[in-house]
Amino acid sequence: MKVITSFLAILAISAVTSFGADAPKKPKMTPEEMFTKKDADKDGKVSKEEFLKGAKDAAKAEASFTAKDKDKDGSLSKEEFTAAPKKKKAA
């Protein structure tokens, strides 16, 4: 009886985990698509307020905005927004 119960428990667990693995993953947006989504007023730039909206960590998002805003005009152009961040040097 214990063998049958153990077997059924293992079978149930494997069935649950296999269904979770088959769930379709949401495709990632390209940087250009993300820029278009963030640019709420469609003026061709992303303001600090637009950039911070919906951020999970406001402090990190603000630091990221400041680093990306190369010309320090308070908004991100498409070029600034989509530019890859500089890699940190290995210590």
PDB file of N, CA and C in Angstrom:
ATOM      1  N   MET A   1       0.820  -1.198   0.000  1.00  0.00           N
ATOM      2  CA  MET A   1       0.000   0.000   0.000  1.00  0.00           C
ATOM      3  C   MET A   1       0.867   1.267   0.000  1.00  0.00           C
ATOM      4  N   LYS A   2       1.956   1.264   0.800  1.00  0.00           N
ATOM      5  CA  LYS A   2       2.841   2.421   0.842  1.00  0.00           C
ATOM      6  C   LYS A   2       3.513   2.625  -0.503  1.00  0.00           C
ATOM      7  N   VAL A   3       3.827   1.529  -1.181  1.00  0.00           N
ATOM      8  CA  VAL A   3       4.478   1.631  -2.488  1.00  0.00           C
ATOM      9  C   VAL A   3       3.543   2.299  -3.492  1.00  0.00           C
ATOM     10  N   ILE A   4       2.294   1.890  -3.480  1.00  0.00           N
ATOM     11  CA  ILE A   4       1.320   2.465  -4.402  1.00  0.00           C
ATOM     12  C   ILE A   4       1.112   3.947  -4.094  1.00  0.00           C
ATOM     13  N   THR A   5       0.993   4.298  -2.821  1.00  0.00           N
ATOM     14  CA  THR A   5       0.803   5.694  -2.425  1.00  0.00           C
ATOM     15  C   THR A   5       2.014   6.535  -2.833  1.00  0.00           C
ATOM     16  N   SER A   6       3.208   6.005  -2.597  1.00  0.00           N
ATOM     17  CA  SER A   6       4.432   6.725  -2.984  1.00  0.00           C
ATOM     18  C   SER A   6       4.490   6.908  -4.489  1.00  0.00           C
ATOM     19  N   PHE A   7       4.159   5.850  -5.225  1.00  0.00           N
ATOM     20  CA  PHE A   7       4.178   5.915  -6.682  1.00  0.00           C
ATOM     21  C   PHE A   7       3.195   6.970  -7.191  1.00  0.00           C
ATOM     22  N   LEU A   8       1.997   6.995  -6.640  1.00  0.00           N
ATOM     23  CA  LEU A   8       0.991   7.973  -7.056  1.00  0.00           C
ATOM     24  C   LEU A   8       1.428   9.401  -6.704  1.00  0.00           C
ATOM     25  N   ALA A   9       2.075   9.576  -5.568  1.00  0.00           N
ATOM     26  CA  ALA A   9       2.552  10.909  -5.180  1.00  0.00           C
ATOM     27  C   ALA A   9       3.622  11.391  -6.147  1.00  0.00           C
ATOM     28  N   ILE A  10       4.543  10.508  -6.500  1.00  0.00           N
ATOM     29  CA  ILE A  10       5.608  10.861  -7.448  1.00  0.00           C
ATOM     30  C   ILE A  10       5.004  11.175  -8.813  1.00  0.00           C
ATOM     31  N   LEU A  11       4.045  10.366  -9.235  1.00  0.00           N
ATOM     32  CA  LEU A  11       3.385  10.587 -10.510  1.00  0.00           C
ATOM     33  C   LEU A  11       2.657  11.933 -10.532  1.00  0.00           C
ATOM     34  N   ALA A  12       1.977  12.265  -9.439  1.00  0.00           N
ATOM     35  CA  ALA A  12       1.262  13.536  -9.361  1.00  0.00           C
ATOM     36  C   ALA A  12       2.232  14.716  -9.404  1.00  0.00           C
ATOM     37  N   ILE A  13       3.330  14.624  -8.688  1.00  0.00           N
ATOM     38  CA  ILE A  13       4.324  15.707  -8.671  1.00  0.00           C
ATOM     39  C   ILE A  13       4.942  15.883 -10.051  1.00  0.00           C
ATOM     40  N   SER A  14       5.272  14.787 -10.706  1.00  0.00           N
ATOM     41  CA  SER A  14       5.877  14.899 -12.034  1.00  0.00           C
ATOM     42  C   SER A  14       4.886  15.472 -13.045  1.00  0.00           C
ATOM     43  N   ALA A  15       3.611  15.149 -12.894  1.00  0.00           N
ATOM     44  CA  ALA A  15       2.597  15.692 -13.807  1.00  0.00           C
ATOM     45  C   ALA A  15       2.455  17.198 -13.611  1.00  0.00           C
ATOM     46  N   VAL A  16       2.458  17.654 -12.386  1.00  0.00           N
ATOM     47  CA  VAL A  16       2.320  19.084 -12.102  1.00  0.00           C
ATOM     48  C   VAL A  16       3.521  19.850 -12.630  1.00  0.00           C
ATOM     49  N   THR A  17       4.730  19.340 -12.416  1.00  0.00           N
ATOM     50  CA  THR A  17       5.928  20.050 -12.879  1.00  0.00           C
ATOM     51  C   THR A  17       6.036  20.031 -14.394  1.00  0.00           C
ATOM     52  N   SER A  18       5.575  18.983 -15.044  1.00  0.00           N
ATOM     53  CA  SER A  18       5.661  18.940 -16.502  1.00  0.00           C
ATOM     54  C   SER A  18       4.670  19.918 -17.144  1.00  0.00           C
ATOM     55  N   PHE A  19       3.506  20.127 -16.537  1.00  0.00           N
ATOM     56  CA  PHE A  19       2.557  21.105 -17.072  1.00  0.00           C
ATOM     57  C   PHE A  19       3.097  22.517 -16.922  1.00  0.00           C
ATOM     58  N   GLY A  20       3.783  22.808 -15.846  1.00  0.00           N
ATOM     59  CA  GLY A  20       4.365  24.128 -15.634  1.00  0.00           C
ATOM     60  C   GLY A  20       5.459  24.426 -16.636  1.00  0.00           C
ATOM     61  N   ALA A  21       6.198  23.416 -17.058  1.00  0.00           N
ATOM     62  CA  ALA A  21       7.286  23.618 -18.006  1.00  0.00           C
ATOM     63  C   ALA A  21       6.764  23.926 -19.409  1.00  0.00           C
ATOM     64  N   ASP A  22       5.540  23.520 -19.712  1.00  0.00           N
ATOM     65  CA  ASP A  22       4.980  23.719 -21.040  1.00  0.00           C
ATOM     66  C   ASP A  22       4.327  25.090 -21.226  1.00  0.00           C
ATOM     67  N   ALA A  23       4.244  25.870 -20.150  1.00  0.00           N
ATOM     68  CA  ALA A  23       3.601  27.171 -20.257  1.00  0.00           C
ATOM     69  C   ALA A  23       4.397  28.058 -21.210  1.00  0.00           C
ATOM     70  N   PRO A  24       3.723  28.714 -22.151  1.00  0.00           N
ATOM     71  CA  PRO A  24       4.443  29.566 -23.105  1.00  0.00           C
ATOM     72  C   PRO A  24       5.037  30.779 -22.390  1.00  0.00           C
ATOM     73  N   LYS A  25       6.270  31.101 -22.752  1.00  0.00           N
ATOM     74  CA  LYS A  25       6.937  32.245 -22.153  1.00  0.00           C
ATOM     75  C   LYS A  25       6.590  33.494 -22.951  1.00  0.00           C
ATOM     76  N   LYS A  26       6.406  34.588 -22.230  1.00  0.00           N
ATOM     77  CA  LYS A  26       6.105  35.859 -22.860  1.00  0.00           C
ATOM     78  C   LYS A  26       7.379  36.356 -23.544  1.00  0.00           C
ATOM     79  N   PRO A  27       7.310  36.656 -24.823  1.00  0.00           N
ATOM     80  CA  PRO A  27       8.525  37.111 -25.517  1.00  0.00           C
ATOM     81  C   PRO A  27       8.995  38.450 -24.960  1.00  0.00           C
ATOM     82  N   LYS A  28      10.322  38.598 -24.858  1.00  0.00           N
ATOM     83  CA  LYS A  28      10.890  39.849 -24.364  1.00  0.00           C
ATOM     84  C   LYS A  28      10.738  40.929 -25.425  1.00  0.00           C
ATOM     85  N   MET A  29      10.544  42.149 -24.944  1.00  0.00           N
ATOM     86  CA  MET A  29      10.454  43.287 -25.857  1.00  0.00           C
ATOM     87  C   MET A  29      11.856  43.751 -26.222  1.00  0.00           C
ATOM     88  N   THR A  30      11.987  44.228 -27.432  1.00  0.00           N
ATOM     89  CA  THR A  30      13.255  44.818 -27.851  1.00  0.00           C
ATOM     90  C   THR A  30      13.375  46.182 -27.170  1.00  0.00           C
ATOM     91  N   PRO A  31      14.588  46.729 -27.089  1.00  0.00           N
ATOM     92  CA  PRO A  31      14.732  48.063 -26.503  1.00  0.00           C
ATOM     93  C   PRO A  31      13.893  49.117 -27.230  1.00  0.00           C
ATOM     94  N   GLU A  32      13.762  48.980 -28.543  1.00  0.00           N
ATOM     95  CA  GLU A  32      12.950  49.926 -29.307  1.00  0.00           C
ATOM     96  C   GLU A  32      11.473  49.828 -28.924  1.00  0.00           C
ATOM     97  N   GLU A  33      10.981  48.602 -28.745  1.00  0.00           N
ATOM     98  CA  GLU A  33       9.591  48.405 -28.338  1.00  0.00           C
ATOM     99  C   GLU A  33       9.360  48.941 -26.921  1.00  0.00           C
ATOM    100  N   MET A  34      10.334  48.734 -26.040  1.00  0.00           N
ATOM    101  CA  MET A  34      10.222  49.234 -24.673  1.00  0.00           C
ATOM    102  C   MET A  34      10.204  50.770 -24.667  1.00  0.00           C
ATOM    103  N   PHE A  35      11.032  51.385 -25.523  1.00  0.00           N
ATOM    104  CA  PHE A  35      11.045  52.844 -25.633  1.00  0.00           C
ATOM    105  C   PHE A  35       9.665  53.348 -26.038  1.00  0.00           C
ATOM    106  N   THR A  36       9.082  52.727 -27.050  1.00  0.00           N
ATOM    107  CA  THR A  36       7.756  53.132 -27.536  1.00  0.00           C
ATOM    108  C   THR A  36       6.713  52.984 -26.442  1.00  0.00           C
ATOM    109  N   LYS A  37       6.803  51.915 -25.659  1.00  0.00           N
ATOM    110  CA  LYS A  37       5.849  51.692 -24.571  1.00  0.00           C
ATOM    111  C   LYS A  37       6.024  52.736 -23.460  1.00  0.00           C
ATOM    112  N   LYS A  38       7.259  53.047 -23.108  1.00  0.00           N
ATOM    113  CA  LYS A  38       7.523  54.011 -22.032  1.00  0.00           C
ATOM    114  C   LYS A  38       7.189  55.442 -22.436  1.00  0.00           C
ATOM    115  N   ASP A  39       7.300  55.756 -23.720  1.00  0.00           N
ATOM    116  CA  ASP A  39       7.042  57.111 -24.208  1.00  0.00           C
ATOM    117  C   ASP A  39       5.534  57.349 -24.257  1.00  0.00           C
ATOM    118  N   ALA A  40       4.941  57.607 -23.105  1.00  0.00           N
ATOM    119  CA  ALA A  40       3.483  57.703 -22.972  1.00  0.00           C
ATOM    120  C   ALA A  40       2.887  58.840 -23.789  1.00  0.00           C
ATOM    121  N   ASP A  41       3.567  59.979 -23.837  1.00  0.00           N
ATOM    122  CA  ASP A  41       3.003  61.117 -24.572  1.00  0.00           C
ATOM    123  C   ASP A  41       3.442  61.166 -26.034  1.00  0.00           C
ATOM    124  N   LYS A  42       4.194  60.178 -26.460  1.00  0.00           N
ATOM    125  CA  LYS A  42       4.608  60.006 -27.865  1.00  0.00           C
ATOM    126  C   LYS A  42       5.317  61.235 -28.437  1.00  0.00           C
ATOM    127  N   ASP A  43       6.182  61.850 -27.597  1.00  0.00           N
ATOM    128  CA  ASP A  43       6.933  63.008 -28.067  1.00  0.00           C
ATOM    129  C   ASP A  43       8.338  62.645 -28.556  1.00  0.00           C
ATOM    130  N   GLY A  44       8.640  61.358 -28.601  1.00  0.00           N
ATOM    131  CA  GLY A  44       9.935  60.915 -29.112  1.00  0.00           C
ATOM    132  C   GLY A  44      11.033  60.882 -28.073  1.00  0.00           C
ATOM    133  N   LYS A  45      10.694  61.126 -26.807  1.00  0.00           N
ATOM    134  CA  LYS A  45      11.647  61.016 -25.717  1.00  0.00           C
ATOM    135  C   LYS A  45      10.936  60.505 -24.473  1.00  0.00           C
ATOM    136  N   VAL A  46      11.718  59.912 -23.590  1.00  0.00           N
ATOM    137  CA  VAL A  46      11.165  59.373 -22.354  1.00  0.00           C
ATOM    138  C   VAL A  46      11.595  60.280 -21.211  1.00  0.00           C
ATOM    139  N   SER A  47      10.619  60.888 -20.558  1.00  0.00           N
ATOM    140  CA  SER A  47      10.915  61.759 -19.425  1.00  0.00           C
ATOM    141  C   SER A  47      11.259  60.904 -18.213  1.00  0.00           C
ATOM    142  N   LYS A  48      11.793  61.546 -17.189  1.00  0.00           N
ATOM    143  CA  LYS A  48      12.127  60.836 -15.961  1.00  0.00           C
ATOM    144  C   LYS A  48      10.876  60.210 -15.354  1.00  0.00           C
ATOM    145  N   GLU A  49       9.762  60.938 -15.376  1.00  0.00           N
ATOM    146  CA  GLU A  49       8.509  60.420 -14.824  1.00  0.00           C
ATOM    147  C   GLU A  49       8.031  59.189 -15.599  1.00  0.00           C
ATOM    148  N   GLU A  50       8.123  59.254 -16.932  1.00  0.00           N
ATOM    149  CA  GLU A  50       7.721  58.107 -17.757  1.00  0.00           C
ATOM    150  C   GLU A  50       8.629  56.916 -17.467  1.00  0.00           C
ATOM    151  N   PHE A  51       9.920  57.166 -17.313  1.00  0.00           N
ATOM    152  CA  PHE A  51      10.888  56.093 -17.072  1.00  0.00           C
ATOM    153  C   PHE A  51      10.646  55.423 -15.727  1.00  0.00           C
ATOM    154  N   LEU A  52      10.336  56.225 -14.697  1.00  0.00           N
ATOM    155  CA  LEU A  52      10.167  55.680 -13.347  1.00  0.00           C
ATOM    156  C   LEU A  52       8.805  55.012 -13.131  1.00  0.00           C
ATOM    157  N   LYS A  53       7.832  55.316 -13.988  1.00  0.00           N
ATOM    158  CA  LYS A  53       6.491  54.754 -13.818  1.00  0.00           C
ATOM    159  C   LYS A  53       6.539  53.228 -13.897  1.00  0.00           C
ATOM    160  N   GLY A  54       6.016  52.593 -12.868  1.00  0.00           N
ATOM    161  CA  GLY A  54       5.951  51.134 -12.829  1.00  0.00           C
ATOM    162  C   GLY A  54       7.237  50.453 -12.409  1.00  0.00           C
ATOM    163  N   ALA A  55       8.245  51.222 -11.994  1.00  0.00           N
ATOM    164  CA  ALA A  55       9.518  50.624 -11.583  1.00  0.00           C
ATOM    165  C   ALA A  55       9.338  49.889 -10.254  1.00  0.00           C
ATOM    166  N   LYS A  56       9.924  48.708 -10.162  1.00  0.00           N
ATOM    167  CA  LYS A  56       9.857  47.936  -8.922  1.00  0.00           C
ATOM    168  C   LYS A  56      10.767  48.537  -7.860  1.00  0.00           C
ATOM    169  N   ASP A  57      11.915  49.047  -8.277  1.00  0.00           N
ATOM    170  CA  ASP A  57      12.875  49.663  -7.367  1.00  0.00           C
ATOM    171  C   ASP A  57      13.172  51.070  -7.873  1.00  0.00           C
ATOM    172  N   ALA A  58      12.526  52.048  -7.271  1.00  0.00           N
ATOM    173  CA  ALA A  58      12.634  53.428  -7.742  1.00  0.00           C
ATOM    174  C   ALA A  58      14.063  53.952  -7.687  1.00  0.00           C
ATOM    175  N   ALA A  59      14.806  53.581  -6.659  1.00  0.00           N
ATOM    176  CA  ALA A  59      16.183  54.072  -6.526  1.00  0.00           C
ATOM    177  C   ALA A  59      17.061  53.548  -7.663  1.00  0.00           C
ATOM    178  N   LYS A  60      16.922  52.271  -7.986  1.00  0.00           N
ATOM    179  CA  LYS A  60      17.701  51.689  -9.094  1.00  0.00           C
ATOM    180  C   LYS A  60      17.283  52.289 -10.426  1.00  0.00           C
ATOM    181  N   ALA A  61      15.994  52.480 -10.592  1.00  0.00           N
ATOM    182  CA  ALA A  61      15.490  53.054 -11.842  1.00  0.00           C
ATOM    183  C   ALA A  61      15.991  54.487 -12.011  1.00  0.00           C
ATOM    184  N   GLU A  62      16.005  55.250 -10.929  1.00  0.00           N
ATOM    185  CA  GLU A  62      16.489  56.630 -11.015  1.00  0.00           C
ATOM    186  C   GLU A  62      17.983  56.660 -11.336  1.00  0.00           C
ATOM    187  N   ALA A  63      18.751  55.758 -10.736  1.00  0.00           N
ATOM    188  CA  ALA A  63      20.189  55.677 -11.038  1.00  0.00           C
ATOM    189  C   ALA A  63      20.410  55.283 -12.493  1.00  0.00           C
ATOM    190  N   SER A  64      19.608  54.361 -12.986  1.00  0.00           N
ATOM    191  CA  SER A  64      19.714  53.934 -14.379  1.00  0.00           C
ATOM    192  C   SER A  64      19.375  55.084 -15.321  1.00  0.00           C
ATOM    193  N   PHE A  65      18.326  55.843 -14.992  1.00  0.00           N
ATOM    194  CA  PHE A  65      17.938  56.989 -15.813  1.00  0.00           C
ATOM    195  C   PHE A  65      19.078  58.001 -15.865  1.00  0.00           C
ATOM    196  N   THR A  66      19.649  58.322 -14.715  1.00  0.00           N
ATOM    197  CA  THR A  66      20.736  59.298 -14.642  1.00  0.00           C
ATOM    198  C   THR A  66      21.935  58.842 -15.464  1.00  0.00           C
ATOM    199  N   ALA A  67      22.265  57.547 -15.405  1.00  0.00           N
ATOM    200  CA  ALA A  67      23.396  57.021 -16.170  1.00  0.00           C
ATOM    201  C   ALA A  67      23.133  57.069 -17.674  1.00  0.00           C
ATOM    202  N   LYS A  68      21.891  56.835 -18.075  1.00  0.00           N
ATOM    203  CA  LYS A  68      21.551  56.825 -19.503  1.00  0.00           C
ATOM    204  C   LYS A  68      21.433  58.234 -20.091  1.00  0.00           C
ATOM    205  N   ASP A  69      21.062  59.206 -19.272  1.00  0.00           N
ATOM    206  CA  ASP A  69      20.840  60.576 -19.747  1.00  0.00           C
ATOM    207  C   ASP A  69      22.185  61.277 -19.952  1.00  0.00           C
ATOM    208  N   LYS A  70      22.833  60.965 -21.055  1.00  0.00           N
ATOM    209  CA  LYS A  70      24.187  61.463 -21.324  1.00  0.00           C
ATOM    210  C   LYS A  70      24.248  62.974 -21.484  1.00  0.00           C
ATOM    211  N   ASP A  71      23.233  63.584 -22.108  1.00  0.00           N
ATOM    212  CA  ASP A  71      23.272  65.035 -22.314  1.00  0.00           C
ATOM    213  C   ASP A  71      22.628  65.809 -21.160  1.00  0.00           C
ATOM    214  N   LYS A  72      22.177  65.100 -20.146  1.00  0.00           N
ATOM    215  CA  LYS A  72      21.624  65.684 -18.918  1.00  0.00           C
ATOM    216  C   LYS A  72      20.503  66.697 -19.173  1.00  0.00           C
ATOM    217  N   ASP A  73      19.630  66.368 -20.146  1.00  0.00           N
ATOM    218  CA  ASP A  73      18.509  67.261 -20.440  1.00  0.00           C
ATOM    219  C   ASP A  73      17.220  66.844 -19.723  1.00  0.00           C
ATOM    220  N   GLY A  74      17.288  65.795 -18.908  1.00  0.00           N
ATOM    221  CA  GLY A  74      16.116  65.372 -18.150  1.00  0.00           C
ATOM    222  C   GLY A  74      15.187  64.439 -18.884  1.00  0.00           C
ATOM    223  N   SER A  75      15.576  64.019 -20.087  1.00  0.00           N
ATOM    224  CA  SER A  75      14.787  63.041 -20.844  1.00  0.00           C
ATOM    225  C   SER A  75      15.746  62.172 -21.647  1.00  0.00           C
ATOM    226  N   LEU A  76      15.240  61.017 -22.061  1.00  0.00           N
ATOM    227  CA  LEU A  76      16.065  60.087 -22.828  1.00  0.00           C
ATOM    228  C   LEU A  76      15.602  60.054 -24.271  1.00  0.00           C
ATOM    229  N   SER A  77      16.545  60.262 -25.172  1.00  0.00           N
ATOM    230  CA  SER A  77      16.244  60.066 -26.585  1.00  0.00           C
ATOM    231  C   SER A  77      16.220  58.566 -26.846  1.00  0.00           C
ATOM    232  N   LYS A  78      15.759  58.202 -28.021  1.00  0.00           N
ATOM    233  CA  LYS A  78      15.736  56.777 -28.366  1.00  0.00           C
ATOM    234  C   LYS A  78      17.152  56.206 -28.349  1.00  0.00           C
ATOM    235  N   GLU A  79      18.128  56.984 -28.802  1.00  0.00           N
ATOM    236  CA  GLU A  79      19.520  56.532 -28.828  1.00  0.00           C
ATOM    237  C   GLU A  79      20.046  56.318 -27.411  1.00  0.00           C
ATOM    238  N   GLU A  80      19.747  57.250 -26.508  1.00  0.00           N
ATOM    239  CA  GLU A  80      20.186  57.100 -25.122  1.00  0.00           C
ATOM    240  C   GLU A  80      19.501  55.902 -24.465  1.00  0.00           C
ATOM    241  N   PHE A  81      18.208  55.760 -24.718  1.00  0.00           N
ATOM    242  CA  PHE A  81      17.429  54.691 -24.094  1.00  0.00           C
ATOM    243  C   PHE A  81      17.904  53.317 -24.540  1.00  0.00           C
ATOM    244  N   THR A  82      18.185  53.170 -25.832  1.00  0.00           N
ATOM    245  CA  THR A  82      18.516  51.846 -26.375  1.00  0.00           C
ATOM    246  C   THR A  82      20.001  51.502 -26.304  1.00  0.00           C
ATOM    247  N   ALA A  83      20.838  52.471 -25.928  1.00  0.00           N
ATOM    248  CA  ALA A  83      22.284  52.207 -25.854  1.00  0.00           C
ATOM    249  C   ALA A  83      22.568  51.154 -24.788  1.00  0.00           C
ATOM    250  N   ALA A  84      23.448  50.231 -25.126  1.00  0.00           N
ATOM    251  CA  ALA A  84      23.828  49.192 -24.176  1.00  0.00           C
ATOM    252  C   ALA A  84      24.653  49.815 -23.054  1.00  0.00           C
ATOM    253  N   PRO A  85      24.417  49.379 -21.806  1.00  0.00           N
ATOM    254  CA  PRO A  85      25.206  49.920 -20.714  1.00  0.00           C
ATOM    255  C   PRO A  85      26.664  49.498 -20.809  1.00  0.00           C
ATOM    256  N   LYS A  86      27.538  50.349 -20.307  1.00  0.00           N
ATOM    257  CA  LYS A  86      28.958  50.003 -20.313  1.00  0.00           C
ATOM    258  C   LYS A  86      29.196  48.882 -19.326  1.00  0.00           C
ATOM    259  N   LYS A  87      30.036  47.942 -19.710  1.00  0.00           N
ATOM    260  CA  LYS A  87      30.364  46.832 -18.836  1.00  0.00           C
ATOM    261  C   LYS A  87      31.338  47.286 -17.760  1.00  0.00           C
ATOM    262  N   LYS A  88      31.113  46.762 -16.553  1.00  0.00           N
ATOM    263  CA  LYS A  88      32.017  47.098 -15.460  1.00  0.00           C
ATOM    264  C   LYS A  88      33.299  46.304 -15.609  1.00  0.00           C
ATOM    265  N   LYS A  89      34.411  46.932 -15.246  1.00  0.00           N
ATOM    266  CA  LYS A  89      35.692  46.242 -15.310  1.00  0.00           C
ATOM    267  C   LYS A  89      35.792  45.230 -14.188  1.00  0.00           C
ATOM    268  N   ALA A  90      36.387  44.104 -14.491  1.00  0.00           N
ATOM    269  CA  ALA A  90      36.558  43.062 -13.479  1.00  0.00           C
ATOM    270  C   ALA A  90      37.584  43.518 -12.457  1.00  0.00           C
ATOM    271  N   ALA A  91      37.312  43.225 -11.203  1.00  0.00           N
ATOM    272  CA  ALA A  91      38.219  43.655 -10.127  1.00  0.00           C
ATOM    273  C   ALA A  91      39.414  42.743 -10.019  1.00  0.00           C
TER     274      ALA A  91
END
